[in-house]
Amino acid sequence: MRTYIKAISLIVVGVWIGLVAWFGFLSPATRAAQETPKRPLLTKLPPIKNCTEHIKLIKAELRMQGESQVAALEVQNEGYIGVISISVEQLANRERHSSVESGFTLDQPPQIVIPPGERMTITLGNLDAKPPIRIGGVIFTDGTEEGCQSSLKSMRELRDFHTKKEGPQK
């Protein structure tokens, strides 16, 4: 009978230690790992730079889109020809967050995304407070380009991807 009581008491102590360990140490760590970290809300937009000559920033504002903030930039094409691709980006923590509006398609000629003299609003998410947002580059309907070289390079790659036969399949 004595060994029976010792065995039961050891099992109860083991279960008790297991419960304390689970609810005391492991459960909070598991919950913290499952929660997605929230980005801090910005109070103002980061500085905005423009690498282009014929695109003018008309208005910039910070908007909520769902639970995240985005920068909404209203730009105007001041050139005499249409824009078929435009890039807005922010380089933060060695990552590039960009938004590219493109009129390139596989089977058709490029579509104009901003006609001459017209305006367009472009949104950019994943904002960081300090690094500047930049209007990186544009490609016009006549094939001319202006802007920062890194932006133009990524826009050319996107153009090639959308216009080559190896691009996206419908």
N, C-alpha and C. Protein backbone atom coordinates (compact mmCIF):
# COMPACT_ATOMS: atom_id res chain seq x y z
N MET A 1 0.80 -1.18 0.00
CA MET A 1 0.00 0.00 0.00
C MET A 1 0.85 1.26 0.00
N ARG A 2 1.98 1.18 0.69
CA ARG A 2 2.87 2.32 0.74
C ARG A 2 3.41 2.70 -0.63
N THR A 3 3.79 1.73 -1.42
CA THR A 3 4.31 2.03 -2.76
C THR A 3 3.23 2.60 -3.66
N TYR A 4 2.00 2.18 -3.44
CA TYR A 4 0.88 2.71 -4.23
C TYR A 4 0.69 4.20 -3.94
N ILE A 5 0.74 4.61 -2.69
CA ILE A 5 0.59 6.02 -2.31
C ILE A 5 1.78 6.84 -2.83
N LYS A 6 2.98 6.29 -2.77
CA LYS A 6 4.16 7.00 -3.29
C LYS A 6 4.04 7.20 -4.80
N ALA A 7 3.59 6.20 -5.53
CA ALA A 7 3.45 6.31 -6.98
C ALA A 7 2.40 7.35 -7.35
N ILE A 8 1.28 7.35 -6.67
CA ILE A 8 0.22 8.33 -6.93
C ILE A 8 0.72 9.74 -6.61
N SER A 9 1.40 9.91 -5.49
CA SER A 9 1.89 11.24 -5.13
C SER A 9 2.94 11.75 -6.12
N LEU A 10 3.80 10.86 -6.62
CA LEU A 10 4.78 11.27 -7.64
C LEU A 10 4.09 11.68 -8.94
N ILE A 11 3.06 10.98 -9.32
CA ILE A 11 2.31 11.33 -10.53
C ILE A 11 1.64 12.69 -10.35
N VAL A 12 1.02 12.93 -9.20
CA VAL A 12 0.36 14.21 -8.94
C VAL A 12 1.37 15.35 -8.94
N VAL A 13 2.52 15.14 -8.31
CA VAL A 13 3.56 16.17 -8.31
C VAL A 13 4.05 16.43 -9.74
N GLY A 14 4.24 15.39 -10.54
CA GLY A 14 4.69 15.55 -11.92
C GLY A 14 3.69 16.31 -12.77
N VAL A 15 2.40 15.99 -12.61
CA VAL A 15 1.35 16.71 -13.35
C VAL A 15 1.32 18.16 -12.91
N TRP A 16 1.44 18.42 -11.62
CA TRP A 16 1.43 19.78 -11.10
C TRP A 16 2.59 20.59 -11.68
N ILE A 17 3.80 20.02 -11.70
CA ILE A 17 4.98 20.70 -12.26
C ILE A 17 4.77 20.96 -13.76
N GLY A 18 4.20 19.99 -14.46
CA GLY A 18 3.93 20.16 -15.88
C GLY A 18 2.96 21.30 -16.16
N LEU A 19 1.88 21.37 -15.35
CA LEU A 19 0.90 22.45 -15.52
C LEU A 19 1.51 23.81 -15.21
N VAL A 20 2.28 23.90 -14.15
CA VAL A 20 2.93 25.17 -13.82
C VAL A 20 3.88 25.58 -14.93
N ALA A 21 4.64 24.64 -15.45
CA ALA A 21 5.58 24.96 -16.54
C ALA A 21 4.82 25.40 -17.79
N TRP A 22 3.74 24.71 -18.14
CA TRP A 22 2.99 25.04 -19.36
C TRP A 22 2.34 26.42 -19.26
N PHE A 23 1.56 26.63 -18.22
CA PHE A 23 0.83 27.90 -18.11
C PHE A 23 1.70 29.05 -17.62
N GLY A 24 2.76 28.76 -16.94
CA GLY A 24 3.60 29.83 -16.40
C GLY A 24 4.68 30.30 -17.35
N PHE A 25 5.26 29.36 -18.11
CA PHE A 25 6.42 29.72 -18.95
C PHE A 25 6.15 29.61 -20.44
N LEU A 26 5.58 28.51 -20.86
CA LEU A 26 5.46 28.24 -22.30
C LEU A 26 4.28 28.95 -22.96
N SER A 27 3.16 29.05 -22.30
CA SER A 27 1.98 29.66 -22.90
C SER A 27 2.19 31.13 -23.27
N PRO A 28 2.75 31.98 -22.38
CA PRO A 28 2.98 33.38 -22.79
C PRO A 28 3.96 33.49 -23.95
N ALA A 29 4.97 32.65 -23.98
CA ALA A 29 5.94 32.70 -25.08
C ALA A 29 5.29 32.29 -26.40
N THR A 30 4.40 31.31 -26.36
CA THR A 30 3.72 30.89 -27.58
C THR A 30 2.77 31.97 -28.07
N ARG A 31 2.05 32.61 -27.17
CA ARG A 31 1.15 33.69 -27.56
C ARG A 31 1.91 34.86 -28.16
N ALA A 32 3.04 35.20 -27.59
CA ALA A 32 3.83 36.33 -28.09
C ALA A 32 4.39 36.02 -29.47
N ALA A 33 4.74 34.77 -29.72
CA ALA A 33 5.28 34.41 -31.03
C ALA A 33 4.20 34.44 -32.10
N GLN A 34 2.94 34.19 -31.73
CA GLN A 34 1.86 34.16 -32.72
C GLN A 34 1.33 35.54 -33.04
N GLU A 35 1.49 36.49 -32.16
CA GLU A 35 1.01 37.84 -32.41
C GLU A 35 1.92 38.53 -33.41
N THR A 36 1.31 39.19 -34.39
CA THR A 36 2.11 39.93 -35.36
C THR A 36 2.45 41.29 -34.78
N PRO A 37 3.70 41.69 -34.88
CA PRO A 37 4.05 43.00 -34.34
C PRO A 37 3.40 44.11 -35.16
N LYS A 38 2.86 45.09 -34.47
CA LYS A 38 2.24 46.22 -35.16
C LYS A 38 3.27 47.31 -35.40
N ARG A 39 3.16 47.92 -36.56
CA ARG A 39 4.02 49.06 -36.86
C ARG A 39 3.51 50.25 -36.05
N PRO A 40 4.42 51.07 -35.55
CA PRO A 40 3.97 52.26 -34.84
C PRO A 40 3.29 53.22 -35.82
N LEU A 41 2.24 53.87 -35.36
CA LEU A 41 1.53 54.82 -36.21
C LEU A 41 2.35 56.10 -36.35
N LEU A 42 2.43 56.59 -37.56
CA LEU A 42 3.17 57.83 -37.83
C LEU A 42 2.26 59.02 -37.57
N THR A 43 2.86 60.12 -37.14
CA THR A 43 2.09 61.35 -36.93
C THR A 43 2.19 62.28 -38.13
N LYS A 44 3.24 62.10 -38.93
CA LYS A 44 3.39 62.91 -40.14
C LYS A 44 4.12 62.08 -41.19
N LEU A 45 4.00 62.50 -42.42
CA LEU A 45 4.67 61.81 -43.52
C LEU A 45 6.17 62.01 -43.46
N PRO A 46 6.93 61.01 -43.90
CA PRO A 46 8.37 61.23 -44.05
C PRO A 46 8.61 62.28 -45.15
N PRO A 47 9.83 62.82 -45.23
CA PRO A 47 10.10 63.79 -46.31
C PRO A 47 9.92 63.13 -47.67
N ILE A 48 9.57 63.93 -48.67
CA ILE A 48 9.33 63.41 -50.01
C ILE A 48 10.31 64.07 -50.97
N LYS A 49 11.02 63.23 -51.74
CA LYS A 49 11.96 63.72 -52.74
C LYS A 49 11.45 63.35 -54.13
N ASN A 50 11.83 64.14 -55.11
CA ASN A 50 11.39 63.89 -56.47
C ASN A 50 12.60 63.79 -57.38
N CYS A 51 12.80 62.63 -58.00
CA CYS A 51 13.93 62.42 -58.91
C CYS A 51 13.57 62.75 -60.36
N THR A 52 12.35 63.21 -60.59
CA THR A 52 11.90 63.46 -61.96
C THR A 52 11.76 64.95 -62.21
N GLU A 53 11.75 65.29 -63.47
CA GLU A 53 11.64 66.69 -63.86
C GLU A 53 10.21 67.07 -64.24
N HIS A 54 9.49 66.15 -64.89
CA HIS A 54 8.17 66.47 -65.44
C HIS A 54 7.00 65.94 -64.61
N ILE A 55 7.28 65.39 -63.46
CA ILE A 55 6.22 64.95 -62.56
C ILE A 55 6.25 65.85 -61.34
N LYS A 56 5.11 66.45 -61.04
CA LYS A 56 5.03 67.40 -59.94
C LYS A 56 4.15 66.81 -58.84
N LEU A 57 4.62 66.91 -57.59
CA LEU A 57 3.84 66.48 -56.44
C LEU A 57 2.83 67.56 -56.12
N ILE A 58 1.55 67.22 -56.17
CA ILE A 58 0.48 68.18 -55.89
C ILE A 58 0.09 68.14 -54.42
N LYS A 59 -0.15 66.92 -53.91
CA LYS A 59 -0.61 66.79 -52.54
C LYS A 59 -0.11 65.45 -51.99
N ALA A 60 0.26 65.45 -50.72
CA ALA A 60 0.68 64.22 -50.05
C ALA A 60 0.01 64.17 -48.69
N GLU A 61 -0.56 63.01 -48.37
CA GLU A 61 -1.21 62.87 -47.07
C GLU A 61 -1.05 61.45 -46.55
N LEU A 62 -1.19 61.33 -45.26
CA LEU A 62 -1.09 60.06 -44.55
C LEU A 62 -2.51 59.55 -44.37
N ARG A 63 -2.78 58.32 -44.85
CA ARG A 63 -4.13 57.76 -44.75
C ARG A 63 -4.08 56.40 -44.06
N MET A 64 -5.20 56.03 -43.48
CA MET A 64 -5.35 54.69 -42.92
C MET A 64 -5.99 53.82 -44.00
N GLN A 65 -5.41 52.64 -44.20
CA GLN A 65 -5.96 51.67 -45.14
C GLN A 65 -6.07 50.36 -44.37
N GLY A 66 -7.27 50.11 -43.86
CA GLY A 66 -7.43 48.98 -42.95
C GLY A 66 -6.78 49.33 -41.62
N GLU A 67 -5.85 48.48 -41.18
CA GLU A 67 -5.14 48.74 -39.93
C GLU A 67 -3.75 49.32 -40.15
N SER A 68 -3.39 49.59 -41.39
CA SER A 68 -2.05 50.13 -41.66
C SER A 68 -2.15 51.52 -42.29
N GLN A 69 -1.04 52.23 -42.20
CA GLN A 69 -0.97 53.57 -42.78
C GLN A 69 -0.32 53.51 -44.15
N VAL A 70 -0.79 54.37 -45.04
CA VAL A 70 -0.20 54.49 -46.37
C VAL A 70 0.00 55.97 -46.67
N ALA A 71 0.96 56.23 -47.53
CA ALA A 71 1.16 57.58 -48.04
C ALA A 71 0.41 57.69 -49.35
N ALA A 72 -0.45 58.67 -49.48
CA ALA A 72 -1.19 58.91 -50.71
C ALA A 72 -0.59 60.15 -51.37
N LEU A 73 0.05 59.95 -52.51
CA LEU A 73 0.70 61.05 -53.22
C LEU A 73 -0.07 61.35 -54.50
N GLU A 74 -0.53 62.57 -54.61
CA GLU A 74 -1.18 63.00 -55.84
C GLU A 74 -0.13 63.70 -56.70
N VAL A 75 0.10 63.15 -57.88
CA VAL A 75 1.12 63.69 -58.78
C VAL A 75 0.47 64.14 -60.08
N GLN A 76 1.14 65.07 -60.75
CA GLN A 76 0.65 65.59 -62.02
C GLN A 76 1.73 65.46 -63.07
N ASN A 77 1.32 65.03 -64.25
CA ASN A 77 2.23 64.93 -65.40
C ASN A 77 2.30 66.30 -66.06
N GLU A 78 3.44 66.96 -65.94
CA GLU A 78 3.61 68.26 -66.56
C GLU A 78 4.31 68.18 -67.91
N GLY A 79 4.54 66.96 -68.40
CA GLY A 79 5.14 66.79 -69.71
C GLY A 79 4.10 66.90 -70.81
N TYR A 80 4.57 66.90 -72.05
CA TYR A 80 3.67 67.01 -73.19
C TYR A 80 3.29 65.65 -73.76
N ILE A 81 3.79 64.59 -73.14
CA ILE A 81 3.46 63.23 -73.56
C ILE A 81 3.02 62.43 -72.35
N GLY A 82 2.31 61.33 -72.59
CA GLY A 82 1.77 60.53 -71.51
C GLY A 82 2.81 59.71 -70.78
N VAL A 83 2.49 59.35 -69.54
CA VAL A 83 3.34 58.48 -68.72
C VAL A 83 2.77 57.07 -68.80
N ILE A 84 3.65 56.09 -69.09
CA ILE A 84 3.18 54.70 -69.12
C ILE A 84 3.66 53.90 -67.91
N SER A 85 4.57 54.46 -67.11
CA SER A 85 4.99 53.79 -65.89
C SER A 85 5.59 54.82 -64.95
N ILE A 86 5.24 54.70 -63.65
CA ILE A 86 5.76 55.60 -62.64
C ILE A 86 6.03 54.80 -61.37
N SER A 87 7.12 55.14 -60.68
CA SER A 87 7.53 54.42 -59.48
C SER A 87 7.66 55.38 -58.30
N VAL A 88 7.08 54.96 -57.16
CA VAL A 88 7.23 55.67 -55.89
C VAL A 88 7.80 54.65 -54.91
N GLU A 89 8.83 55.04 -54.14
CA GLU A 89 9.49 54.05 -53.28
C GLU A 89 10.04 54.70 -52.01
N GLN A 90 10.35 53.81 -51.06
CA GLN A 90 11.02 54.22 -49.83
C GLN A 90 12.03 53.12 -49.49
N LEU A 91 13.27 53.53 -49.26
CA LEU A 91 14.32 52.59 -48.86
C LEU A 91 14.47 52.67 -47.35
N ALA A 92 14.08 51.58 -46.65
CA ALA A 92 14.12 51.58 -45.19
C ALA A 92 14.67 50.25 -44.71
N ASN A 93 15.64 50.30 -43.81
CA ASN A 93 16.22 49.09 -43.21
C ASN A 93 16.70 48.11 -44.28
N ARG A 94 17.38 48.62 -45.26
CA ARG A 94 17.94 47.82 -46.35
C ARG A 94 16.88 47.09 -47.17
N GLU A 95 15.66 47.56 -47.13
CA GLU A 95 14.57 47.02 -47.92
C GLU A 95 13.96 48.13 -48.75
N ARG A 96 13.49 47.75 -49.93
CA ARG A 96 12.83 48.71 -50.79
C ARG A 96 11.34 48.40 -50.80
N HIS A 97 10.55 49.38 -50.40
CA HIS A 97 9.10 49.28 -50.49
C HIS A 97 8.70 50.21 -51.62
N SER A 98 8.05 49.67 -52.65
CA SER A 98 7.73 50.51 -53.79
C SER A 98 6.33 50.22 -54.31
N SER A 99 5.83 51.17 -55.05
CA SER A 99 4.56 51.05 -55.74
C SER A 99 4.82 51.53 -57.17
N VAL A 100 4.56 50.65 -58.13
CA VAL A 100 4.79 50.99 -59.53
C VAL A 100 3.46 50.89 -60.27
N GLU A 101 3.04 52.00 -60.85
CA GLU A 101 1.87 52.01 -61.72
C GLU A 101 2.38 51.84 -63.14
N SER A 102 1.90 50.80 -63.80
CA SER A 102 2.45 50.46 -65.11
C SER A 102 1.33 50.16 -66.10
N GLY A 103 1.52 50.59 -67.32
CA GLY A 103 0.55 50.33 -68.38
C GLY A 103 1.03 49.28 -69.36
N PHE A 104 2.07 48.54 -69.01
CA PHE A 104 2.62 47.52 -69.91
C PHE A 104 1.77 46.26 -69.88
N THR A 105 1.50 45.72 -71.06
CA THR A 105 0.76 44.46 -71.19
C THR A 105 1.47 43.58 -72.20
N LEU A 106 1.12 42.30 -72.20
CA LEU A 106 1.78 41.33 -73.05
C LEU A 106 1.40 41.49 -74.52
N ASP A 107 0.12 41.60 -74.83
CA ASP A 107 -0.33 41.55 -76.22
C ASP A 107 -0.75 42.89 -76.80
N GLN A 108 -0.68 43.96 -76.04
CA GLN A 108 -1.15 45.26 -76.51
C GLN A 108 -0.06 46.30 -76.32
N PRO A 109 -0.18 47.42 -77.03
CA PRO A 109 0.76 48.51 -76.77
C PRO A 109 0.55 49.05 -75.36
N PRO A 110 1.56 49.70 -74.80
CA PRO A 110 1.44 50.23 -73.43
C PRO A 110 0.28 51.21 -73.31
N GLN A 111 -0.40 51.14 -72.17
CA GLN A 111 -1.50 52.04 -71.87
C GLN A 111 -0.96 53.24 -71.09
N ILE A 112 -1.52 54.40 -71.34
CA ILE A 112 -1.11 55.61 -70.62
C ILE A 112 -1.75 55.60 -69.23
N VAL A 113 -0.93 55.73 -68.19
CA VAL A 113 -1.45 55.76 -66.82
C VAL A 113 -1.69 57.19 -66.34
N ILE A 114 -0.91 58.15 -66.87
CA ILE A 114 -1.15 59.57 -66.57
C ILE A 114 -1.05 60.35 -67.88
N PRO A 115 -2.17 60.78 -68.44
CA PRO A 115 -2.11 61.60 -69.66
C PRO A 115 -1.44 62.95 -69.38
N PRO A 116 -0.99 63.65 -70.42
CA PRO A 116 -0.36 64.96 -70.23
C PRO A 116 -1.30 65.93 -69.50
N GLY A 117 -0.77 66.60 -68.49
CA GLY A 117 -1.54 67.57 -67.74
C GLY A 117 -2.48 66.98 -66.71
N GLU A 118 -2.62 65.68 -66.64
CA GLU A 118 -3.56 65.04 -65.72
C GLU A 118 -2.88 64.65 -64.40
N ARG A 119 -3.71 64.28 -63.44
CA ARG A 119 -3.24 63.89 -62.11
C ARG A 119 -3.58 62.43 -61.82
N MET A 120 -2.82 61.87 -60.87
CA MET A 120 -3.05 60.50 -60.43
C MET A 120 -2.63 60.41 -58.97
N THR A 121 -3.32 59.58 -58.18
CA THR A 121 -2.94 59.34 -56.80
C THR A 121 -2.32 57.96 -56.69
N ILE A 122 -1.13 57.91 -56.11
CA ILE A 122 -0.39 56.66 -55.91
C ILE A 122 -0.25 56.45 -54.41
N THR A 123 -0.50 55.23 -53.95
CA THR A 123 -0.35 54.94 -52.52
C THR A 123 0.86 54.05 -52.30
N LEU A 124 1.51 54.25 -51.17
CA LEU A 124 2.68 53.48 -50.78
C LEU A 124 2.52 53.05 -49.34
N GLY A 125 2.64 51.75 -49.08
CA GLY A 125 2.49 51.21 -47.73
C GLY A 125 3.83 50.85 -47.11
N ASN A 126 3.79 50.17 -45.96
CA ASN A 126 4.99 49.78 -45.21
C ASN A 126 5.89 50.98 -44.94
N LEU A 127 5.31 52.02 -44.43
CA LEU A 127 6.05 53.26 -44.23
C LEU A 127 6.95 53.20 -43.01
N ASP A 128 8.10 53.85 -43.13
CA ASP A 128 9.02 54.05 -42.03
C ASP A 128 9.08 55.56 -41.79
N ALA A 129 9.31 55.98 -40.57
CA ALA A 129 9.19 57.39 -40.22
C ALA A 129 10.30 58.28 -40.77
N LYS A 130 11.54 57.77 -40.86
CA LYS A 130 12.66 58.65 -41.17
C LYS A 130 13.11 58.67 -42.63
N PRO A 131 13.29 57.53 -43.30
CA PRO A 131 13.80 57.60 -44.68
C PRO A 131 12.81 58.30 -45.60
N PRO A 132 13.31 59.08 -46.55
CA PRO A 132 12.41 59.82 -47.43
C PRO A 132 11.69 58.90 -48.42
N ILE A 133 10.49 59.33 -48.78
CA ILE A 133 9.76 58.71 -49.88
C ILE A 133 10.23 59.44 -51.13
N ARG A 134 10.43 58.69 -52.22
CA ARG A 134 10.86 59.39 -53.43
C ARG A 134 10.04 58.95 -54.63
N ILE A 135 9.76 59.94 -55.45
CA ILE A 135 9.18 59.65 -56.75
C ILE A 135 10.38 59.27 -57.60
N GLY A 136 10.53 57.96 -57.81
CA GLY A 136 11.79 57.43 -58.32
C GLY A 136 12.02 57.59 -59.80
N GLY A 137 11.00 57.37 -60.62
CA GLY A 137 11.22 57.45 -62.05
C GLY A 137 9.94 57.32 -62.84
N VAL A 138 10.03 57.72 -64.11
CA VAL A 138 8.90 57.59 -65.02
C VAL A 138 9.40 57.15 -66.39
N ILE A 139 8.54 56.46 -67.11
CA ILE A 139 8.79 56.13 -68.51
C ILE A 139 7.64 56.72 -69.29
N PHE A 140 7.98 57.50 -70.32
CA PHE A 140 6.98 58.18 -71.14
C PHE A 140 6.62 57.35 -72.37
N THR A 141 5.55 57.75 -73.06
CA THR A 141 5.07 56.99 -74.21
C THR A 141 6.06 56.95 -75.37
N ASP A 142 6.92 57.93 -75.47
CA ASP A 142 7.91 57.91 -76.55
C ASP A 142 9.17 57.12 -76.19
N GLY A 143 9.18 56.50 -75.00
CA GLY A 143 10.31 55.69 -74.58
C GLY A 143 11.33 56.42 -73.74
N THR A 144 11.22 57.72 -73.60
CA THR A 144 12.17 58.45 -72.76
C THR A 144 11.90 58.16 -71.30
N GLU A 145 12.95 58.26 -70.51
CA GLU A 145 12.88 57.96 -69.08
C GLU A 145 13.54 59.09 -68.31
N GLU A 146 13.08 59.28 -67.09
CA GLU A 146 13.77 60.20 -66.19
C GLU A 146 13.58 59.72 -64.77
N GLY A 147 14.61 59.97 -63.97
CA GLY A 147 14.54 59.58 -62.57
C GLY A 147 15.84 58.97 -62.08
N CYS A 148 15.79 58.38 -60.89
CA CYS A 148 16.95 57.73 -60.27
C CYS A 148 17.24 56.42 -60.99
N GLN A 149 18.51 56.10 -61.14
CA GLN A 149 18.91 54.92 -61.91
C GLN A 149 18.37 53.62 -61.31
N SER A 150 18.37 53.48 -59.99
CA SER A 150 17.88 52.24 -59.39
C SER A 150 16.39 52.05 -59.66
N SER A 151 15.62 53.11 -59.64
CA SER A 151 14.19 53.02 -59.93
C SER A 151 13.96 52.68 -61.40
N LEU A 152 14.71 53.33 -62.26
CA LEU A 152 14.56 53.06 -63.69
C LEU A 152 14.93 51.62 -64.03
N LYS A 153 15.95 51.10 -63.35
CA LYS A 153 16.36 49.71 -63.59
C LYS A 153 15.23 48.75 -63.23
N SER A 154 14.62 48.95 -62.06
CA SER A 154 13.53 48.05 -61.66
C SER A 154 12.31 48.23 -62.58
N MET A 155 12.06 49.44 -63.06
CA MET A 155 10.95 49.67 -63.98
C MET A 155 11.20 49.00 -65.33
N ARG A 156 12.44 49.02 -65.80
CA ARG A 156 12.78 48.32 -67.05
C ARG A 156 12.58 46.81 -66.90
N GLU A 157 13.00 46.28 -65.74
CA GLU A 157 12.81 44.85 -65.50
C GLU A 157 11.32 44.50 -65.47
N LEU A 158 10.51 45.34 -64.86
CA LEU A 158 9.07 45.11 -64.83
C LEU A 158 8.49 45.19 -66.24
N ARG A 159 8.94 46.17 -67.02
CA ARG A 159 8.48 46.30 -68.41
C ARG A 159 8.83 45.05 -69.20
N ASP A 160 10.07 44.59 -69.07
CA ASP A 160 10.49 43.39 -69.80
C ASP A 160 9.69 42.17 -69.37
N PHE A 161 9.39 42.06 -68.08
CA PHE A 161 8.63 40.93 -67.58
C PHE A 161 7.21 40.93 -68.15
N HIS A 162 6.59 42.11 -68.26
CA HIS A 162 5.22 42.19 -68.73
C HIS A 162 5.09 42.18 -70.25
N THR A 163 6.15 42.44 -70.98
CA THR A 163 6.02 42.49 -72.42
C THR A 163 6.64 41.30 -73.15
N LYS A 164 7.48 40.54 -72.49
CA LYS A 164 8.10 39.38 -73.12
C LYS A 164 7.16 38.19 -73.06
N LYS A 165 7.35 37.24 -73.93
CA LYS A 165 6.54 36.02 -73.95
C LYS A 165 6.73 35.20 -72.69
N GLU A 166 7.88 35.35 -71.99
CA GLU A 166 8.12 34.60 -70.76
C GLU A 166 7.42 35.24 -69.58
N GLY A 167 6.74 36.35 -69.79
CA GLY A 167 6.09 37.07 -68.71
C GLY A 167 4.90 36.32 -68.16
N PRO A 168 3.99 37.02 -67.51
CA PRO A 168 2.87 36.35 -66.88
C PRO A 168 1.96 35.70 -67.92
N GLN A 169 1.46 34.53 -67.62
CA GLN A 169 0.57 33.80 -68.53
C GLN A 169 -0.87 34.08 -68.15
N LYS A 170 -1.70 34.26 -69.15
CA LYS A 170 -3.12 34.53 -68.89
C LYS A 170 -3.89 33.24 -68.82
